[in-house]
N, C-alpha and C. Protein backbone atom coordinates (compact mmCIF):
# COMPACT_ATOMS: atom_id res chain seq x y z
N UNK A 1 72.01 31.28 137.41
CA UNK A 1 71.50 30.80 136.15
C UNK A 1 70.38 31.73 135.73
N UNK A 2 70.42 32.18 134.52
CA UNK A 2 69.38 33.05 133.99
C UNK A 2 68.54 32.21 133.04
N UNK A 3 67.21 32.23 133.23
CA UNK A 3 66.34 31.46 132.35
C UNK A 3 65.01 32.16 132.19
N UNK A 4 64.26 31.73 131.21
CA UNK A 4 62.95 32.31 130.94
C UNK A 4 61.89 31.28 131.28
N UNK A 5 60.84 31.73 131.97
CA UNK A 5 59.73 30.85 132.32
C UNK A 5 58.43 31.61 132.13
N UNK A 6 57.49 30.99 131.44
CA UNK A 6 56.17 31.59 131.26
C UNK A 6 55.21 31.22 132.39
N UNK A 7 55.69 30.42 133.36
CA UNK A 7 54.81 29.95 134.43
C UNK A 7 55.21 30.51 135.79
N UNK A 8 55.81 31.70 135.81
CA UNK A 8 56.11 32.40 137.04
C UNK A 8 57.25 31.80 137.84
N UNK A 9 57.48 32.31 139.05
CA UNK A 9 58.60 31.88 139.88
C UNK A 9 58.61 30.38 140.19
N UNK A 10 57.44 29.79 140.44
CA UNK A 10 57.40 28.36 140.75
C UNK A 10 57.86 27.54 139.55
N UNK A 11 57.41 27.93 138.37
CA UNK A 11 57.84 27.24 137.15
C UNK A 11 59.31 27.45 136.89
N UNK A 12 59.81 28.65 137.17
CA UNK A 12 61.23 28.95 136.98
C UNK A 12 62.07 28.10 137.92
N UNK A 13 61.61 27.92 139.15
CA UNK A 13 62.35 27.10 140.11
C UNK A 13 62.44 25.65 139.64
N UNK A 14 61.33 25.12 139.16
CA UNK A 14 61.33 23.74 138.64
C UNK A 14 62.26 23.61 137.43
N UNK A 15 62.21 24.59 136.56
CA UNK A 15 63.05 24.56 135.36
C UNK A 15 64.52 24.66 135.75
N UNK A 16 64.84 25.53 136.69
CA UNK A 16 66.23 25.68 137.14
C UNK A 16 66.74 24.39 137.77
N UNK A 17 65.89 23.72 138.56
CA UNK A 17 66.29 22.46 139.19
C UNK A 17 66.55 21.39 138.12
N UNK A 18 65.69 21.33 137.12
CA UNK A 18 65.89 20.35 136.04
C UNK A 18 67.17 20.63 135.28
N UNK A 19 67.39 21.90 134.93
CA UNK A 19 68.61 22.26 134.21
C UNK A 19 69.85 22.00 135.05
N UNK A 20 69.76 22.25 136.35
CA UNK A 20 70.89 21.97 137.25
C UNK A 20 71.20 20.50 137.31
N UNK A 21 70.16 19.67 137.46
CA UNK A 21 70.37 18.21 137.49
C UNK A 21 70.96 17.73 136.17
N UNK A 22 70.45 18.27 135.05
CA UNK A 22 70.94 17.86 133.73
C UNK A 22 72.39 18.27 133.49
N UNK A 23 72.86 19.32 134.19
CA UNK A 23 74.23 19.80 134.00
C UNK A 23 75.23 19.08 134.88
N UNK A 24 74.77 18.22 135.79
CA UNK A 24 75.68 17.47 136.65
C UNK A 24 76.55 16.57 135.78
N UNK A 25 77.85 16.53 136.09
CA UNK A 25 78.76 15.71 135.29
C UNK A 25 80.08 15.48 136.03
N UNK A 26 80.87 14.58 135.50
CA UNK A 26 82.21 14.28 136.00
C UNK A 26 83.22 14.52 134.90
N UNK A 27 84.44 14.85 135.30
CA UNK A 27 85.54 14.90 134.33
C UNK A 27 86.84 14.68 135.08
N UNK A 28 87.87 14.36 134.33
CA UNK A 28 89.19 14.16 134.91
C UNK A 28 90.01 15.43 134.71
N UNK A 29 90.55 15.96 135.81
CA UNK A 29 91.33 17.20 135.72
C UNK A 29 92.77 16.90 135.28
N UNK A 30 93.58 17.94 135.20
CA UNK A 30 94.96 17.77 134.71
C UNK A 30 95.82 16.92 135.63
N UNK A 31 95.40 16.75 136.89
CA UNK A 31 96.13 15.91 137.83
C UNK A 31 95.62 14.47 137.84
N UNK A 32 94.71 14.15 136.93
CA UNK A 32 94.17 12.80 136.86
C UNK A 32 93.09 12.50 137.89
N UNK A 33 92.63 13.52 138.59
CA UNK A 33 91.60 13.34 139.61
C UNK A 33 90.22 13.53 139.00
N UNK A 34 89.25 12.80 139.50
CA UNK A 34 87.87 12.95 139.03
C UNK A 34 87.22 14.12 139.76
N UNK A 35 86.68 15.04 138.99
CA UNK A 35 85.95 16.19 139.52
C UNK A 35 84.48 15.95 139.23
N UNK A 36 83.65 16.12 140.23
CA UNK A 36 82.21 15.89 140.09
C UNK A 36 81.45 17.18 140.34
N UNK A 37 80.67 17.60 139.35
CA UNK A 37 79.77 18.74 139.51
C UNK A 37 78.38 18.16 139.75
N UNK A 38 77.81 18.46 140.92
CA UNK A 38 76.51 17.91 141.30
C UNK A 38 75.57 19.03 141.71
N UNK A 39 74.40 19.04 141.13
CA UNK A 39 73.37 20.01 141.52
C UNK A 39 72.87 19.67 142.92
N UNK A 40 72.75 20.68 143.77
CA UNK A 40 72.25 20.47 145.13
C UNK A 40 70.84 21.02 145.32
N UNK A 41 70.64 22.31 145.03
CA UNK A 41 69.33 22.91 145.25
C UNK A 41 69.26 24.29 144.62
N UNK A 42 68.05 24.75 144.40
CA UNK A 42 67.81 26.13 143.97
C UNK A 42 67.71 26.96 145.24
N UNK A 43 68.55 27.97 145.36
CA UNK A 43 68.55 28.79 146.58
C UNK A 43 67.59 29.97 146.50
N UNK A 44 67.54 30.63 145.36
CA UNK A 44 66.72 31.83 145.21
C UNK A 44 66.15 31.88 143.81
N UNK A 45 64.99 32.50 143.69
CA UNK A 45 64.38 32.78 142.38
C UNK A 45 63.96 34.24 142.41
N UNK A 46 64.39 35.00 141.42
CA UNK A 46 64.03 36.41 141.33
C UNK A 46 63.45 36.69 139.95
N UNK A 47 62.34 37.40 139.93
CA UNK A 47 61.69 37.78 138.69
C UNK A 47 62.29 39.10 138.19
N UNK A 48 62.66 39.14 136.92
CA UNK A 48 63.26 40.35 136.37
C UNK A 48 62.24 41.26 135.69
N UNK A 49 61.02 40.77 135.43
CA UNK A 49 59.94 41.59 134.89
C UNK A 49 60.32 42.43 133.68
N UNK A 50 60.67 41.76 132.61
CA UNK A 50 61.01 42.41 131.33
C UNK A 50 62.20 43.36 131.44
N UNK A 51 63.06 43.11 132.37
CA UNK A 51 64.28 43.90 132.54
C UNK A 51 65.13 43.75 131.29
N UNK A 52 65.62 44.86 130.75
CA UNK A 52 66.45 44.80 129.54
C UNK A 52 67.87 44.40 129.93
N UNK A 53 68.30 43.24 129.45
CA UNK A 53 69.65 42.76 129.75
C UNK A 53 70.63 43.36 128.75
N UNK A 54 71.66 43.99 129.29
CA UNK A 54 72.73 44.56 128.48
C UNK A 54 74.05 44.11 129.09
N UNK A 55 75.11 44.26 128.35
CA UNK A 55 76.42 43.91 128.89
C UNK A 55 76.64 44.67 130.19
N UNK A 56 77.06 43.94 131.21
CA UNK A 56 77.30 44.54 132.52
C UNK A 56 76.08 44.59 133.41
N UNK A 57 74.91 44.12 132.93
CA UNK A 57 73.71 44.12 133.76
C UNK A 57 73.89 43.19 134.95
N UNK A 58 73.53 43.66 136.12
CA UNK A 58 73.58 42.83 137.31
C UNK A 58 72.24 42.11 137.43
N UNK A 59 72.28 40.80 137.49
CA UNK A 59 71.04 40.05 137.61
C UNK A 59 70.86 39.41 138.98
N UNK A 60 71.91 39.43 139.79
CA UNK A 60 71.80 38.87 141.14
C UNK A 60 72.86 39.49 142.02
N UNK A 61 72.49 39.78 143.24
CA UNK A 61 73.47 40.22 144.23
C UNK A 61 72.94 39.83 145.60
N UNK A 62 73.84 39.78 146.54
CA UNK A 62 73.44 39.42 147.91
C UNK A 62 74.40 40.11 148.86
N UNK A 63 73.85 40.67 149.90
CA UNK A 63 74.69 41.28 150.93
C UNK A 63 75.18 40.19 151.87
N UNK A 64 76.45 40.23 152.19
CA UNK A 64 77.05 39.27 153.10
C UNK A 64 77.61 39.99 154.32
N UNK A 65 77.47 39.38 155.47
CA UNK A 65 78.10 39.93 156.67
C UNK A 65 79.60 39.64 156.60
N UNK A 66 80.36 40.29 157.43
CA UNK A 66 81.81 40.04 157.47
C UNK A 66 82.08 38.58 157.78
N UNK A 67 81.28 38.00 158.66
CA UNK A 67 81.42 36.57 159.01
C UNK A 67 81.14 35.68 157.80
N UNK A 68 80.10 36.01 157.03
CA UNK A 68 79.79 35.24 155.82
C UNK A 68 80.93 35.31 154.81
N UNK A 69 81.50 36.49 154.65
CA UNK A 69 82.61 36.67 153.71
C UNK A 69 83.80 35.80 154.12
N UNK A 70 84.12 35.79 155.41
CA UNK A 70 85.23 34.96 155.90
C UNK A 70 84.94 33.49 155.65
N UNK A 71 83.71 33.08 155.83
CA UNK A 71 83.32 31.69 155.60
C UNK A 71 83.49 31.31 154.13
N UNK A 72 83.07 32.20 153.23
CA UNK A 72 83.22 31.95 151.80
C UNK A 72 84.71 31.87 151.44
N UNK A 73 85.50 32.80 151.95
CA UNK A 73 86.94 32.79 151.67
C UNK A 73 87.59 31.50 152.18
N UNK A 74 87.20 31.06 153.36
CA UNK A 74 87.76 29.82 153.92
C UNK A 74 87.38 28.64 153.04
N UNK A 75 86.14 28.59 152.58
CA UNK A 75 85.70 27.50 151.71
C UNK A 75 86.47 27.50 150.40
N UNK A 76 86.67 28.68 149.82
CA UNK A 76 87.41 28.77 148.57
C UNK A 76 88.87 28.38 148.76
N UNK A 77 89.47 28.80 149.86
CA UNK A 77 90.86 28.43 150.14
C UNK A 77 91.01 26.94 150.32
N UNK A 78 90.07 26.33 151.03
CA UNK A 78 90.11 24.88 151.27
C UNK A 78 89.97 24.11 149.97
N UNK A 79 89.16 24.63 149.05
CA UNK A 79 88.93 23.93 147.78
C UNK A 79 90.14 24.01 146.86
N UNK A 80 91.05 24.93 147.12
CA UNK A 80 92.26 25.08 146.28
C UNK A 80 93.38 24.16 146.74
N UNK A 81 93.22 23.52 147.89
CA UNK A 81 94.28 22.64 148.42
C UNK A 81 94.42 21.38 147.63
């Protein structure tokens, strides 16, 4: 989530948590099942310091170990079942 905060990283974290909670919702998918989107937590906050955003700008990245990648793939595969 990209947002602007005039109160530094702590303020940005609070704002992100509020926006995440406000975005929680339910809907019925094409199979008639209820899907629930629930905010859990803010994991990271990074300051961009007047970084100029342009198309294709990377605003977040994280290095993953091979084990982490396998874990993410397994989670994604399980969620498609």
